[in-house]
């Protein structure tokens, strides 16, 4: 749903992974346990494959996307087999990544309250296309958000200035009245560099209290 709001209003944009879901480390650990993978070996293989795409950001190749999830996993599997003796086939990340993953309903309730009171609420996420159906089963976007911007759809990703410019324009709110809620420090820094306000998420209660102070300003 598109929205045009006054220049005195705020727009609140929430991240998905690590904010509306458990922390990334928790999900990563569960994935390694399920796949019987040594986390250090997986991190080493991820680093090697990621470097092929000219970045140090593990998720950039698949959430822009520069490569399909299937091809990305094939490359990682080849490195794991050649350098770490791991022979299990990695055919999907999304199915295991989202299996049993819980929605942070406490945070979603805070966002719903803001939206009911007239605040623009959107979701701003770096997301691979293969994950699209999975997250939508956890959080109904039509029920909870005024807009959703996903990296694979818009060609920008956090923490790039382009992603924040697009989000501000979508909300119809100047940058200084936009607030990002995100668990990753580099995304918080990128938002602030773009002129936004930002809250680094640790838990729903603390983030909600800090957000309320910003919105009162």
N, C-alpha and C. Protein backbone atom coordinates (compact mmCIF):
# COMPACT_ATOMS: atom_id res chain seq x y z
N UNK A 1 0.85 -1.18 0.00
CA UNK A 1 0.00 0.00 0.00
C UNK A 1 0.89 1.24 0.00
N UNK A 2 0.69 2.11 -0.94
CA UNK A 2 1.47 3.35 -0.98
C UNK A 2 0.90 4.34 0.02
N UNK A 3 1.76 5.28 0.43
CA UNK A 3 1.32 6.24 1.43
C UNK A 3 2.03 7.56 1.24
N UNK A 4 1.29 8.64 1.39
CA UNK A 4 1.88 9.97 1.41
C UNK A 4 1.52 10.60 2.75
N UNK A 5 2.52 10.94 3.53
CA UNK A 5 2.27 11.49 4.85
C UNK A 5 2.95 12.83 4.97
N UNK A 6 2.58 13.59 5.99
CA UNK A 6 3.10 14.95 6.13
C UNK A 6 4.56 14.94 6.53
N UNK A 7 5.24 16.08 6.29
CA UNK A 7 6.66 16.19 6.58
C UNK A 7 6.95 16.16 8.07
N UNK A 8 5.91 16.30 8.91
CA UNK A 8 6.12 16.27 10.35
C UNK A 8 5.95 14.87 10.92
N UNK A 9 5.49 13.93 10.10
CA UNK A 9 5.29 12.56 10.55
C UNK A 9 6.60 11.78 10.49
N UNK A 10 6.59 10.60 11.09
CA UNK A 10 7.72 9.69 11.02
C UNK A 10 7.37 8.46 10.18
N UNK A 11 8.39 7.85 9.63
CA UNK A 11 8.26 6.54 9.02
C UNK A 11 9.21 5.60 9.74
N UNK A 12 8.70 4.48 10.20
CA UNK A 12 9.51 3.48 10.89
C UNK A 12 9.68 2.28 9.98
N UNK A 13 10.94 1.94 9.71
CA UNK A 13 11.27 0.80 8.86
C UNK A 13 11.98 -0.26 9.71
N UNK A 14 11.43 -1.44 9.78
CA UNK A 14 12.02 -2.52 10.55
C UNK A 14 12.73 -3.52 9.64
N UNK A 15 13.83 -4.05 10.13
CA UNK A 15 14.51 -5.17 9.48
C UNK A 15 13.69 -6.44 9.73
N UNK A 16 14.02 -7.50 8.99
CA UNK A 16 13.36 -8.80 9.21
C UNK A 16 14.26 -9.70 10.06
N UNK A 17 15.32 -10.27 9.44
CA UNK A 17 16.16 -11.22 10.14
C UNK A 17 16.90 -10.60 11.32
N UNK A 18 16.76 -11.21 12.50
CA UNK A 18 17.42 -10.70 13.69
C UNK A 18 16.61 -9.68 14.44
N UNK A 19 15.49 -9.25 13.85
CA UNK A 19 14.59 -8.30 14.52
C UNK A 19 13.21 -8.94 14.65
N UNK A 20 12.61 -9.28 13.53
CA UNK A 20 11.35 -10.02 13.55
C UNK A 20 11.57 -11.52 13.68
N UNK A 21 12.83 -11.94 13.76
CA UNK A 21 13.19 -13.33 13.97
C UNK A 21 14.29 -13.39 15.04
N UNK A 22 14.65 -14.59 15.50
CA UNK A 22 15.77 -14.70 16.44
C UNK A 22 17.06 -14.17 15.83
N UNK A 23 18.08 -13.88 16.66
CA UNK A 23 19.35 -13.35 16.16
C UNK A 23 20.00 -14.27 15.13
N UNK A 24 20.77 -13.65 14.23
CA UNK A 24 21.43 -14.39 13.16
C UNK A 24 22.28 -15.53 13.69
N UNK A 25 23.01 -15.29 14.77
CA UNK A 25 23.88 -16.32 15.32
C UNK A 25 23.13 -17.55 15.75
N UNK A 26 21.92 -17.36 16.29
CA UNK A 26 21.09 -18.48 16.71
C UNK A 26 20.69 -19.33 15.51
N UNK A 27 20.26 -18.66 14.44
CA UNK A 27 19.83 -19.37 13.24
C UNK A 27 21.00 -20.06 12.56
N UNK A 28 22.15 -19.38 12.51
CA UNK A 28 23.36 -19.97 11.91
C UNK A 28 23.77 -21.23 12.66
N UNK A 29 23.73 -21.16 13.99
CA UNK A 29 24.10 -22.32 14.79
C UNK A 29 23.18 -23.49 14.55
N UNK A 30 21.88 -23.22 14.44
CA UNK A 30 20.91 -24.27 14.17
C UNK A 30 21.14 -24.90 12.81
N UNK A 31 21.48 -24.07 11.82
CA UNK A 31 21.76 -24.59 10.49
C UNK A 31 22.96 -25.54 10.51
N UNK A 32 24.02 -25.14 11.19
CA UNK A 32 25.23 -25.97 11.25
C UNK A 32 24.94 -27.29 11.97
N UNK A 33 24.16 -27.23 13.02
CA UNK A 33 23.81 -28.45 13.75
C UNK A 33 23.00 -29.40 12.87
N UNK A 34 22.01 -28.85 12.17
CA UNK A 34 21.16 -29.67 11.30
C UNK A 34 21.96 -30.31 10.19
N UNK A 35 22.88 -29.56 9.61
CA UNK A 35 23.66 -30.07 8.48
C UNK A 35 24.94 -30.80 8.91
N UNK A 36 25.15 -30.88 10.25
CA UNK A 36 26.35 -31.52 10.79
C UNK A 36 27.62 -30.88 10.20
N UNK A 37 27.63 -29.55 10.25
CA UNK A 37 28.72 -28.76 9.69
C UNK A 37 29.52 -28.10 10.79
N UNK A 38 30.83 -28.08 10.64
CA UNK A 38 31.69 -27.32 11.54
C UNK A 38 31.52 -25.84 11.19
N UNK A 39 31.07 -25.01 12.14
CA UNK A 39 30.85 -23.59 11.84
C UNK A 39 32.08 -22.90 11.29
N UNK A 40 33.25 -23.23 11.78
CA UNK A 40 34.48 -22.58 11.29
C UNK A 40 34.75 -22.97 9.84
N UNK A 41 34.49 -24.23 9.50
CA UNK A 41 34.67 -24.66 8.11
C UNK A 41 33.70 -23.96 7.19
N UNK A 42 32.46 -23.83 7.64
CA UNK A 42 31.46 -23.14 6.82
C UNK A 42 31.83 -21.67 6.63
N UNK A 43 32.28 -21.02 7.69
CA UNK A 43 32.67 -19.62 7.58
C UNK A 43 33.84 -19.45 6.62
N UNK A 44 34.79 -20.38 6.67
CA UNK A 44 35.94 -20.30 5.76
C UNK A 44 35.50 -20.47 4.31
N UNK A 45 34.59 -21.42 4.07
CA UNK A 45 34.09 -21.65 2.71
C UNK A 45 33.27 -20.45 2.24
N UNK A 46 32.45 -19.91 3.12
CA UNK A 46 31.67 -18.71 2.77
C UNK A 46 32.58 -17.56 2.38
N UNK A 47 33.65 -17.38 3.15
CA UNK A 47 34.58 -16.30 2.86
C UNK A 47 35.24 -16.45 1.50
N UNK A 48 35.62 -17.68 1.18
CA UNK A 48 36.29 -17.92 -0.10
C UNK A 48 35.35 -17.67 -1.28
N UNK A 49 34.13 -18.16 -1.17
CA UNK A 49 33.17 -17.98 -2.26
C UNK A 49 32.75 -16.51 -2.36
N UNK A 50 32.54 -15.87 -1.24
CA UNK A 50 32.13 -14.47 -1.25
C UNK A 50 33.17 -13.59 -1.93
N UNK A 51 34.44 -13.88 -1.71
CA UNK A 51 35.51 -13.09 -2.31
C UNK A 51 35.46 -13.13 -3.84
N UNK A 52 34.95 -14.22 -4.39
CA UNK A 52 34.84 -14.33 -5.85
C UNK A 52 33.92 -13.26 -6.43
N UNK A 53 33.03 -12.74 -5.59
CA UNK A 53 32.08 -11.73 -6.05
C UNK A 53 32.50 -10.32 -5.65
N UNK A 54 33.74 -10.18 -5.23
CA UNK A 54 34.30 -8.87 -4.96
C UNK A 54 33.79 -8.20 -3.71
N UNK A 55 33.44 -9.00 -2.71
CA UNK A 55 32.90 -8.43 -1.47
C UNK A 55 33.32 -9.28 -0.29
N UNK A 56 33.17 -8.71 0.90
CA UNK A 56 33.37 -9.47 2.14
C UNK A 56 32.03 -9.76 2.82
N UNK A 57 30.95 -9.29 2.25
CA UNK A 57 29.61 -9.47 2.80
C UNK A 57 29.05 -10.80 2.31
N UNK A 58 28.90 -11.75 3.23
CA UNK A 58 28.51 -13.10 2.85
C UNK A 58 27.20 -13.18 2.07
N UNK A 59 26.24 -12.32 2.42
CA UNK A 59 24.92 -12.44 1.83
C UNK A 59 24.74 -11.63 0.56
N UNK A 60 25.64 -10.72 0.28
CA UNK A 60 25.47 -9.85 -0.90
C UNK A 60 25.28 -10.64 -2.20
N UNK A 61 26.05 -11.71 -2.46
CA UNK A 61 25.88 -12.39 -3.74
C UNK A 61 24.47 -12.91 -4.01
N UNK A 62 23.75 -13.33 -2.94
CA UNK A 62 22.44 -13.91 -3.19
C UNK A 62 21.28 -12.98 -2.90
N UNK A 63 21.51 -11.86 -2.19
CA UNK A 63 20.35 -11.01 -1.92
C UNK A 63 20.32 -9.76 -2.77
N UNK A 64 21.27 -9.63 -3.74
CA UNK A 64 21.15 -8.51 -4.67
C UNK A 64 20.23 -8.87 -5.86
N UNK A 65 20.27 -10.03 -6.51
CA UNK A 65 21.27 -11.09 -6.37
C UNK A 65 22.24 -11.10 -7.54
N UNK A 66 23.48 -11.49 -7.24
CA UNK A 66 24.47 -11.69 -8.28
C UNK A 66 24.48 -13.13 -8.77
N UNK A 67 23.93 -14.03 -7.95
CA UNK A 67 23.94 -15.45 -8.26
C UNK A 67 22.73 -16.09 -7.59
N UNK A 68 22.24 -17.18 -8.15
CA UNK A 68 21.11 -17.88 -7.53
C UNK A 68 21.58 -18.59 -6.26
N UNK A 69 20.63 -18.83 -5.37
CA UNK A 69 20.98 -19.56 -4.15
C UNK A 69 21.55 -20.94 -4.48
N UNK A 70 20.99 -21.61 -5.47
CA UNK A 70 21.44 -22.95 -5.83
C UNK A 70 22.90 -22.94 -6.29
N UNK A 71 23.26 -21.98 -7.13
CA UNK A 71 24.64 -21.89 -7.62
C UNK A 71 25.59 -21.51 -6.48
N UNK A 72 25.17 -20.60 -5.64
CA UNK A 72 25.97 -20.15 -4.49
C UNK A 72 26.26 -21.32 -3.56
N UNK A 73 25.23 -22.13 -3.28
CA UNK A 73 25.42 -23.29 -2.41
C UNK A 73 26.30 -24.34 -3.08
N UNK A 74 26.18 -24.47 -4.40
CA UNK A 74 27.04 -25.42 -5.10
C UNK A 74 28.50 -25.03 -4.95
N UNK A 75 28.79 -23.74 -5.09
CA UNK A 75 30.17 -23.27 -4.95
C UNK A 75 30.68 -23.49 -3.52
N UNK A 76 29.84 -23.19 -2.54
CA UNK A 76 30.24 -23.40 -1.14
C UNK A 76 30.48 -24.88 -0.88
N UNK A 77 29.59 -25.73 -1.40
CA UNK A 77 29.74 -27.18 -1.22
C UNK A 77 31.03 -27.71 -1.82
N UNK A 78 31.42 -27.16 -2.97
CA UNK A 78 32.67 -27.59 -3.60
C UNK A 78 33.87 -27.24 -2.74
N UNK A 79 33.87 -26.05 -2.15
CA UNK A 79 34.97 -25.64 -1.28
C UNK A 79 34.99 -26.50 -0.02
N UNK A 80 33.82 -26.76 0.56
CA UNK A 80 33.75 -27.60 1.76
C UNK A 80 34.28 -29.00 1.48
N UNK A 81 33.93 -29.54 0.32
CA UNK A 81 34.39 -30.89 -0.02
C UNK A 81 35.89 -30.92 -0.27
N UNK A 82 36.39 -29.93 -1.01
CA UNK A 82 37.81 -29.94 -1.40
C UNK A 82 38.73 -29.60 -0.23
N UNK A 83 38.29 -28.72 0.65
CA UNK A 83 39.20 -28.21 1.68
C UNK A 83 38.89 -28.70 3.09
N UNK A 84 37.67 -29.25 3.28
CA UNK A 84 37.29 -29.64 4.63
C UNK A 84 36.71 -31.05 4.70
N UNK A 85 36.66 -31.75 3.56
CA UNK A 85 36.20 -33.12 3.55
C UNK A 85 34.72 -33.31 3.82
N UNK A 86 33.96 -32.26 3.62
CA UNK A 86 32.51 -32.33 3.87
C UNK A 86 31.82 -32.76 2.59
N UNK A 87 31.07 -33.84 2.64
CA UNK A 87 30.53 -34.42 1.41
C UNK A 87 29.01 -34.29 1.26
N UNK A 88 28.30 -33.85 2.30
CA UNK A 88 26.84 -33.70 2.17
C UNK A 88 26.52 -32.60 1.16
N UNK A 89 25.46 -32.80 0.39
CA UNK A 89 25.10 -31.83 -0.65
C UNK A 89 24.25 -30.70 -0.05
N UNK A 90 24.64 -29.47 -0.33
CA UNK A 90 23.87 -28.31 0.10
C UNK A 90 22.97 -27.89 -1.06
N UNK A 91 21.70 -28.22 -0.95
CA UNK A 91 20.78 -27.92 -2.05
C UNK A 91 19.85 -26.75 -1.74
N UNK A 92 19.64 -26.48 -0.47
CA UNK A 92 18.79 -25.36 -0.10
C UNK A 92 19.26 -24.78 1.23
N UNK A 93 19.24 -23.49 1.32
CA UNK A 93 19.50 -22.82 2.59
C UNK A 93 18.18 -22.42 3.23
N UNK A 94 17.26 -21.95 2.41
CA UNK A 94 16.01 -21.38 2.94
C UNK A 94 15.21 -22.39 3.74
N UNK A 95 15.05 -23.63 3.24
CA UNK A 95 14.20 -24.60 3.92
C UNK A 95 14.69 -24.85 5.35
N UNK A 96 16.01 -25.04 5.49
CA UNK A 96 16.57 -25.30 6.82
C UNK A 96 16.62 -24.02 7.63
N UNK A 97 16.98 -22.92 6.99
CA UNK A 97 17.12 -21.62 7.68
C UNK A 97 15.81 -21.22 8.35
N UNK A 98 14.68 -21.50 7.70
CA UNK A 98 13.39 -21.07 8.22
C UNK A 98 12.65 -22.15 9.01
N UNK A 99 13.15 -23.38 8.99
CA UNK A 99 12.49 -24.46 9.70
C UNK A 99 12.49 -24.18 11.21
N UNK A 100 11.32 -24.01 11.78
CA UNK A 100 11.20 -23.77 13.21
C UNK A 100 11.55 -22.35 13.64
N UNK A 101 11.84 -21.49 12.70
CA UNK A 101 12.18 -20.11 13.03
C UNK A 101 10.93 -19.39 13.54
N UNK A 102 11.06 -18.70 14.65
CA UNK A 102 9.91 -18.10 15.30
C UNK A 102 9.81 -16.59 15.01
N UNK A 103 8.60 -16.13 14.82
CA UNK A 103 8.35 -14.70 14.65
C UNK A 103 8.42 -14.00 16.00
N UNK A 104 9.04 -12.83 16.02
CA UNK A 104 9.10 -12.03 17.24
C UNK A 104 7.78 -11.26 17.37
N UNK A 105 6.79 -11.90 17.98
CA UNK A 105 5.46 -11.31 18.06
C UNK A 105 5.43 -10.09 18.98
N UNK A 106 6.32 -10.05 19.96
CA UNK A 106 6.36 -8.88 20.84
C UNK A 106 6.72 -7.63 20.04
N UNK A 107 7.70 -7.76 19.15
CA UNK A 107 8.08 -6.61 18.33
C UNK A 107 7.01 -6.29 17.29
N UNK A 108 6.44 -7.31 16.72
CA UNK A 108 5.38 -7.09 15.73
C UNK A 108 4.20 -6.37 16.36
N UNK A 109 3.88 -6.71 17.61
CA UNK A 109 2.78 -6.02 18.30
C UNK A 109 3.10 -4.54 18.51
N UNK A 110 4.37 -4.24 18.83
CA UNK A 110 4.76 -2.82 18.99
C UNK A 110 4.58 -2.06 17.67
N UNK A 111 4.98 -2.70 16.58
CA UNK A 111 4.84 -2.07 15.27
C UNK A 111 3.36 -1.88 14.90
N UNK A 112 2.55 -2.89 15.20
CA UNK A 112 1.12 -2.79 14.90
C UNK A 112 0.48 -1.64 15.67
N UNK A 113 0.93 -1.43 16.91
CA UNK A 113 0.41 -0.34 17.70
C UNK A 113 0.75 1.01 17.11
N UNK A 114 1.99 1.15 16.63
CA UNK A 114 2.41 2.39 15.99
C UNK A 114 1.60 2.65 14.72
N UNK A 115 1.42 1.61 13.96
CA UNK A 115 0.69 1.76 12.70
C UNK A 115 -0.76 2.12 12.95
N UNK A 116 -1.36 1.51 13.97
CA UNK A 116 -2.76 1.81 14.30
C UNK A 116 -2.91 3.27 14.73
N UNK A 117 -1.83 3.83 15.29
CA UNK A 117 -1.87 5.22 15.74
C UNK A 117 -1.54 6.20 14.62
N UNK A 118 -1.27 5.69 13.42
CA UNK A 118 -1.06 6.56 12.27
C UNK A 118 0.36 6.68 11.77
N UNK A 119 1.31 5.98 12.39
CA UNK A 119 2.70 6.01 11.93
C UNK A 119 2.88 5.08 10.73
N UNK A 120 3.61 5.54 9.73
CA UNK A 120 3.96 4.69 8.60
C UNK A 120 4.94 3.63 9.09
N UNK A 121 4.64 2.36 8.83
CA UNK A 121 5.50 1.25 9.24
C UNK A 121 5.81 0.38 8.02
N UNK A 122 7.10 0.21 7.74
CA UNK A 122 7.50 -0.62 6.61
C UNK A 122 8.55 -1.65 7.02
N UNK A 123 8.80 -2.59 6.14
CA UNK A 123 9.86 -3.58 6.34
C UNK A 123 10.93 -3.37 5.29
N UNK A 124 12.18 -3.28 5.73
CA UNK A 124 13.31 -2.98 4.85
C UNK A 124 14.35 -4.07 5.07
N UNK A 125 14.51 -4.96 4.08
CA UNK A 125 15.32 -6.15 4.33
C UNK A 125 16.20 -6.50 3.13
N UNK A 126 17.42 -6.95 3.43
CA UNK A 126 18.27 -7.60 2.44
C UNK A 126 17.81 -9.05 2.36
N UNK A 127 17.22 -9.42 1.23
CA UNK A 127 16.54 -10.70 1.15
C UNK A 127 16.82 -11.40 -0.18
N UNK A 128 17.26 -12.67 -0.15
CA UNK A 128 17.40 -13.43 -1.40
C UNK A 128 16.03 -13.79 -1.96
N UNK A 129 15.90 -13.88 -3.27
CA UNK A 129 14.60 -14.23 -3.85
C UNK A 129 14.08 -15.59 -3.39
N UNK A 130 14.99 -16.54 -3.14
CA UNK A 130 14.56 -17.88 -2.73
C UNK A 130 13.91 -17.90 -1.36
N UNK A 131 14.06 -16.81 -0.59
CA UNK A 131 13.50 -16.76 0.76
C UNK A 131 12.14 -16.08 0.81
N UNK A 132 11.67 -15.56 -0.31
CA UNK A 132 10.50 -14.69 -0.30
C UNK A 132 9.26 -15.39 0.25
N UNK A 133 8.97 -16.58 -0.22
CA UNK A 133 7.78 -17.28 0.24
C UNK A 133 7.89 -17.66 1.71
N UNK A 134 9.11 -17.91 2.17
CA UNK A 134 9.31 -18.36 3.55
C UNK A 134 8.99 -17.26 4.56
N UNK A 135 9.53 -16.05 4.34
CA UNK A 135 9.28 -15.00 5.33
C UNK A 135 7.82 -14.57 5.33
N UNK A 136 7.18 -14.64 4.17
CA UNK A 136 5.78 -14.24 4.09
C UNK A 136 4.86 -15.18 4.87
N UNK A 137 5.30 -16.43 5.07
CA UNK A 137 4.53 -17.34 5.91
C UNK A 137 4.66 -16.98 7.39
N UNK A 138 5.74 -16.28 7.74
CA UNK A 138 5.95 -15.88 9.13
C UNK A 138 5.27 -14.56 9.47
N UNK A 139 5.26 -13.65 8.52
CA UNK A 139 4.70 -12.31 8.74
C UNK A 139 3.90 -11.91 7.51
N UNK A 140 2.62 -11.68 7.68
CA UNK A 140 1.77 -11.27 6.57
C UNK A 140 2.01 -9.79 6.28
N UNK A 141 2.63 -9.45 5.15
CA UNK A 141 2.96 -8.04 4.89
C UNK A 141 1.74 -7.15 4.75
N UNK A 142 0.67 -7.65 4.18
CA UNK A 142 -0.52 -6.83 3.99
C UNK A 142 -1.17 -6.47 5.33
N UNK A 143 -1.00 -7.32 6.30
CA UNK A 143 -1.62 -7.10 7.61
C UNK A 143 -0.81 -6.15 8.47
N UNK A 144 0.52 -6.10 8.25
CA UNK A 144 1.39 -5.41 9.21
C UNK A 144 2.14 -4.19 8.66
N UNK A 145 2.28 -4.07 7.33
CA UNK A 145 3.16 -3.03 6.81
C UNK A 145 2.49 -2.16 5.76
N UNK A 146 2.91 -0.89 5.72
CA UNK A 146 2.47 0.01 4.67
C UNK A 146 3.26 -0.21 3.38
N UNK A 147 4.47 -0.72 3.51
CA UNK A 147 5.32 -1.00 2.34
C UNK A 147 6.39 -2.00 2.74
N UNK A 148 6.86 -2.76 1.76
CA UNK A 148 7.96 -3.70 1.96
C UNK A 148 8.97 -3.46 0.84
N UNK A 149 10.24 -3.23 1.22
CA UNK A 149 11.31 -3.08 0.25
C UNK A 149 12.33 -4.18 0.48
N UNK A 150 12.54 -5.00 -0.54
CA UNK A 150 13.45 -6.13 -0.45
C UNK A 150 14.58 -5.92 -1.46
N UNK A 151 15.79 -6.23 -1.05
CA UNK A 151 16.97 -5.95 -1.88
C UNK A 151 16.89 -6.58 -3.26
N UNK A 152 16.42 -7.83 -3.33
CA UNK A 152 16.42 -8.52 -4.62
C UNK A 152 15.40 -7.92 -5.58
N UNK A 153 14.40 -7.22 -5.06
CA UNK A 153 13.38 -6.61 -5.91
C UNK A 153 13.76 -5.21 -6.37
N UNK A 154 14.48 -4.47 -5.54
CA UNK A 154 14.70 -3.05 -5.84
C UNK A 154 16.11 -2.74 -6.33
N UNK A 155 17.04 -3.71 -6.27
CA UNK A 155 18.39 -3.47 -6.77
C UNK A 155 19.28 -2.67 -5.86
N UNK A 156 18.83 -2.43 -4.64
CA UNK A 156 19.64 -1.77 -3.60
C UNK A 156 19.61 -2.65 -2.36
N UNK A 157 20.57 -2.44 -1.47
CA UNK A 157 20.58 -3.19 -0.21
C UNK A 157 21.19 -2.33 0.87
N UNK A 158 20.75 -2.57 2.09
CA UNK A 158 21.39 -1.90 3.22
C UNK A 158 22.85 -2.37 3.31
N UNK A 159 23.79 -1.51 3.62
CA UNK A 159 23.63 -0.12 4.09
C UNK A 159 23.84 0.93 3.00
N UNK A 160 23.53 0.63 1.74
CA UNK A 160 23.77 1.60 0.68
C UNK A 160 22.81 2.79 0.78
N UNK A 161 23.30 3.95 0.38
CA UNK A 161 22.47 5.16 0.41
C UNK A 161 21.23 5.00 -0.46
N UNK A 162 21.38 4.28 -1.58
CA UNK A 162 20.26 4.11 -2.50
C UNK A 162 19.07 3.43 -1.85
N UNK A 163 19.33 2.46 -0.98
CA UNK A 163 18.24 1.75 -0.31
C UNK A 163 17.47 2.70 0.60
N UNK A 164 18.20 3.54 1.32
CA UNK A 164 17.54 4.46 2.26
C UNK A 164 16.82 5.59 1.52
N UNK A 165 17.38 6.05 0.42
CA UNK A 165 16.72 7.07 -0.39
C UNK A 165 15.39 6.55 -0.94
N UNK A 166 15.42 5.32 -1.42
CA UNK A 166 14.21 4.71 -1.98
C UNK A 166 13.15 4.53 -0.90
N UNK A 167 13.57 4.11 0.29
CA UNK A 167 12.61 3.88 1.38
C UNK A 167 11.97 5.19 1.83
N UNK A 168 12.78 6.24 1.94
CA UNK A 168 12.23 7.54 2.35
C UNK A 168 11.22 8.04 1.32
N UNK A 169 11.57 7.86 0.04
CA UNK A 169 10.65 8.29 -1.02
C UNK A 169 9.36 7.47 -0.99
N UNK A 170 9.48 6.19 -0.74
CA UNK A 170 8.29 5.33 -0.69
C UNK A 170 7.36 5.75 0.45
N UNK A 171 7.94 6.15 1.56
CA UNK A 171 7.13 6.58 2.71
C UNK A 171 6.61 8.00 2.57
N UNK A 172 7.22 8.80 1.67
CA UNK A 172 6.82 10.18 1.52
C UNK A 172 7.24 11.04 2.70
N UNK A 173 8.38 10.67 3.31
CA UNK A 173 8.87 11.33 4.52
C UNK A 173 10.33 11.71 4.31
N UNK A 174 10.77 12.91 4.71
CA UNK A 174 12.18 13.26 4.56
C UNK A 174 13.08 12.35 5.39
N UNK A 175 14.33 12.24 4.97
CA UNK A 175 15.26 11.30 5.60
C UNK A 175 15.33 11.47 7.11
N UNK A 176 15.35 12.72 7.56
CA UNK A 176 15.52 12.96 9.00
C UNK A 176 14.32 12.51 9.83
N UNK A 177 13.20 12.19 9.17
CA UNK A 177 12.02 11.71 9.89
C UNK A 177 11.82 10.21 9.72
N UNK A 178 12.82 9.55 9.10
CA UNK A 178 12.79 8.10 8.95
C UNK A 178 13.61 7.45 10.06
N UNK A 179 13.14 6.31 10.54
CA UNK A 179 13.84 5.57 11.60
C UNK A 179 14.01 4.13 11.15
N UNK A 180 15.25 3.64 11.21
CA UNK A 180 15.54 2.24 10.92
C UNK A 180 15.71 1.48 12.23
N UNK A 181 15.08 0.31 12.32
CA UNK A 181 15.30 -0.62 13.42
C UNK A 181 16.01 -1.83 12.84
N UNK A 182 17.23 -2.07 13.26
CA UNK A 182 18.05 -3.12 12.65
C UNK A 182 19.00 -3.68 13.71
N UNK A 183 19.36 -4.95 13.56
CA UNK A 183 20.25 -5.57 14.54
C UNK A 183 21.72 -5.43 14.18
N UNK A 184 22.04 -5.01 12.96
CA UNK A 184 23.43 -4.98 12.51
C UNK A 184 24.00 -3.56 12.53
N UNK A 185 25.18 -3.44 13.15
CA UNK A 185 25.78 -2.12 13.35
C UNK A 185 26.07 -1.41 12.03
N UNK A 186 26.50 -2.14 11.00
CA UNK A 186 26.84 -1.46 9.75
C UNK A 186 25.59 -0.93 9.03
N UNK A 187 24.44 -1.57 9.24
CA UNK A 187 23.20 -1.03 8.67
C UNK A 187 22.75 0.21 9.43
N UNK A 188 22.93 0.19 10.74
CA UNK A 188 22.62 1.37 11.55
C UNK A 188 23.49 2.55 11.12
N UNK A 189 24.78 2.29 10.92
CA UNK A 189 25.70 3.35 10.50
C UNK A 189 25.30 3.89 9.13
N UNK A 190 24.93 3.00 8.21
CA UNK A 190 24.52 3.43 6.87
C UNK A 190 23.29 4.29 6.91
N UNK A 191 22.33 3.93 7.75
CA UNK A 191 21.11 4.74 7.88
C UNK A 191 21.44 6.13 8.39
N UNK A 192 22.27 6.21 9.39
CA UNK A 192 22.63 7.52 9.95
C UNK A 192 23.41 8.35 8.95
N UNK A 193 24.26 7.72 8.17
CA UNK A 193 24.98 8.46 7.12
C UNK A 193 24.03 9.01 6.07
N UNK A 194 22.91 8.32 5.88
CA UNK A 194 21.89 8.78 4.92
C UNK A 194 20.96 9.83 5.52
N UNK A 195 21.22 10.23 6.76
CA UNK A 195 20.40 11.26 7.40
C UNK A 195 19.24 10.73 8.22
N UNK A 196 19.15 9.40 8.34
CA UNK A 196 18.08 8.80 9.12
C UNK A 196 18.42 8.79 10.61
N UNK A 197 17.40 8.54 11.42
CA UNK A 197 17.58 8.12 12.80
C UNK A 197 17.57 6.59 12.81
N UNK A 198 18.13 6.00 13.85
CA UNK A 198 18.23 4.54 13.87
C UNK A 198 18.30 4.02 15.29
N UNK A 199 17.77 2.81 15.46
CA UNK A 199 17.81 2.10 16.74
C UNK A 199 18.38 0.72 16.48
N UNK A 200 19.49 0.39 17.16
CA UNK A 200 20.05 -0.95 17.01
C UNK A 200 19.29 -1.91 17.91
N UNK A 201 18.72 -2.93 17.29
CA UNK A 201 17.81 -3.84 17.99
C UNK A 201 18.57 -4.88 18.80
N UNK A 202 18.21 -4.99 20.07
CA UNK A 202 18.69 -6.09 20.91
C UNK A 202 17.51 -6.90 21.43
N UNK A 203 16.46 -6.20 21.85
CA UNK A 203 15.21 -6.87 22.24
C UNK A 203 14.06 -5.90 22.06
N UNK A 204 12.86 -6.43 22.06
CA UNK A 204 11.68 -5.62 21.73
C UNK A 204 11.44 -4.51 22.75
N UNK A 205 11.64 -4.81 24.03
CA UNK A 205 11.36 -3.80 25.06
C UNK A 205 12.30 -2.61 24.95
N UNK A 206 13.61 -2.88 24.84
CA UNK A 206 14.58 -1.79 24.77
C UNK A 206 14.42 -1.00 23.49
N UNK A 207 14.24 -1.70 22.37
CA UNK A 207 14.08 -1.00 21.09
C UNK A 207 12.80 -0.17 21.09
N UNK A 208 11.75 -0.72 21.66
CA UNK A 208 10.49 0.01 21.70
C UNK A 208 10.59 1.28 22.53
N UNK A 209 11.27 1.20 23.66
CA UNK A 209 11.44 2.38 24.50
C UNK A 209 12.25 3.46 23.80
N UNK A 210 13.34 3.05 23.12
CA UNK A 210 14.18 4.02 22.42
C UNK A 210 13.42 4.63 21.24
N UNK A 211 12.67 3.80 20.55
CA UNK A 211 11.89 4.28 19.41
C UNK A 211 10.86 5.31 19.86
N UNK A 212 10.18 5.05 20.96
CA UNK A 212 9.17 5.99 21.46
C UNK A 212 9.78 7.36 21.74
N UNK A 213 10.99 7.38 22.26
CA UNK A 213 11.67 8.66 22.54
C UNK A 213 11.97 9.40 21.24
N UNK A 214 12.39 8.67 20.21
CA UNK A 214 12.67 9.31 18.93
C UNK A 214 11.40 9.87 18.30
N UNK A 215 10.33 9.12 18.37
CA UNK A 215 9.08 9.54 17.74
C UNK A 215 8.45 10.72 18.47
N UNK A 216 8.80 10.88 19.73
CA UNK A 216 8.27 12.01 20.50
C UNK A 216 8.98 13.30 20.19
N UNK A 217 10.14 13.21 19.50
CA UNK A 217 10.94 14.38 19.21
C UNK A 217 10.41 15.19 18.04
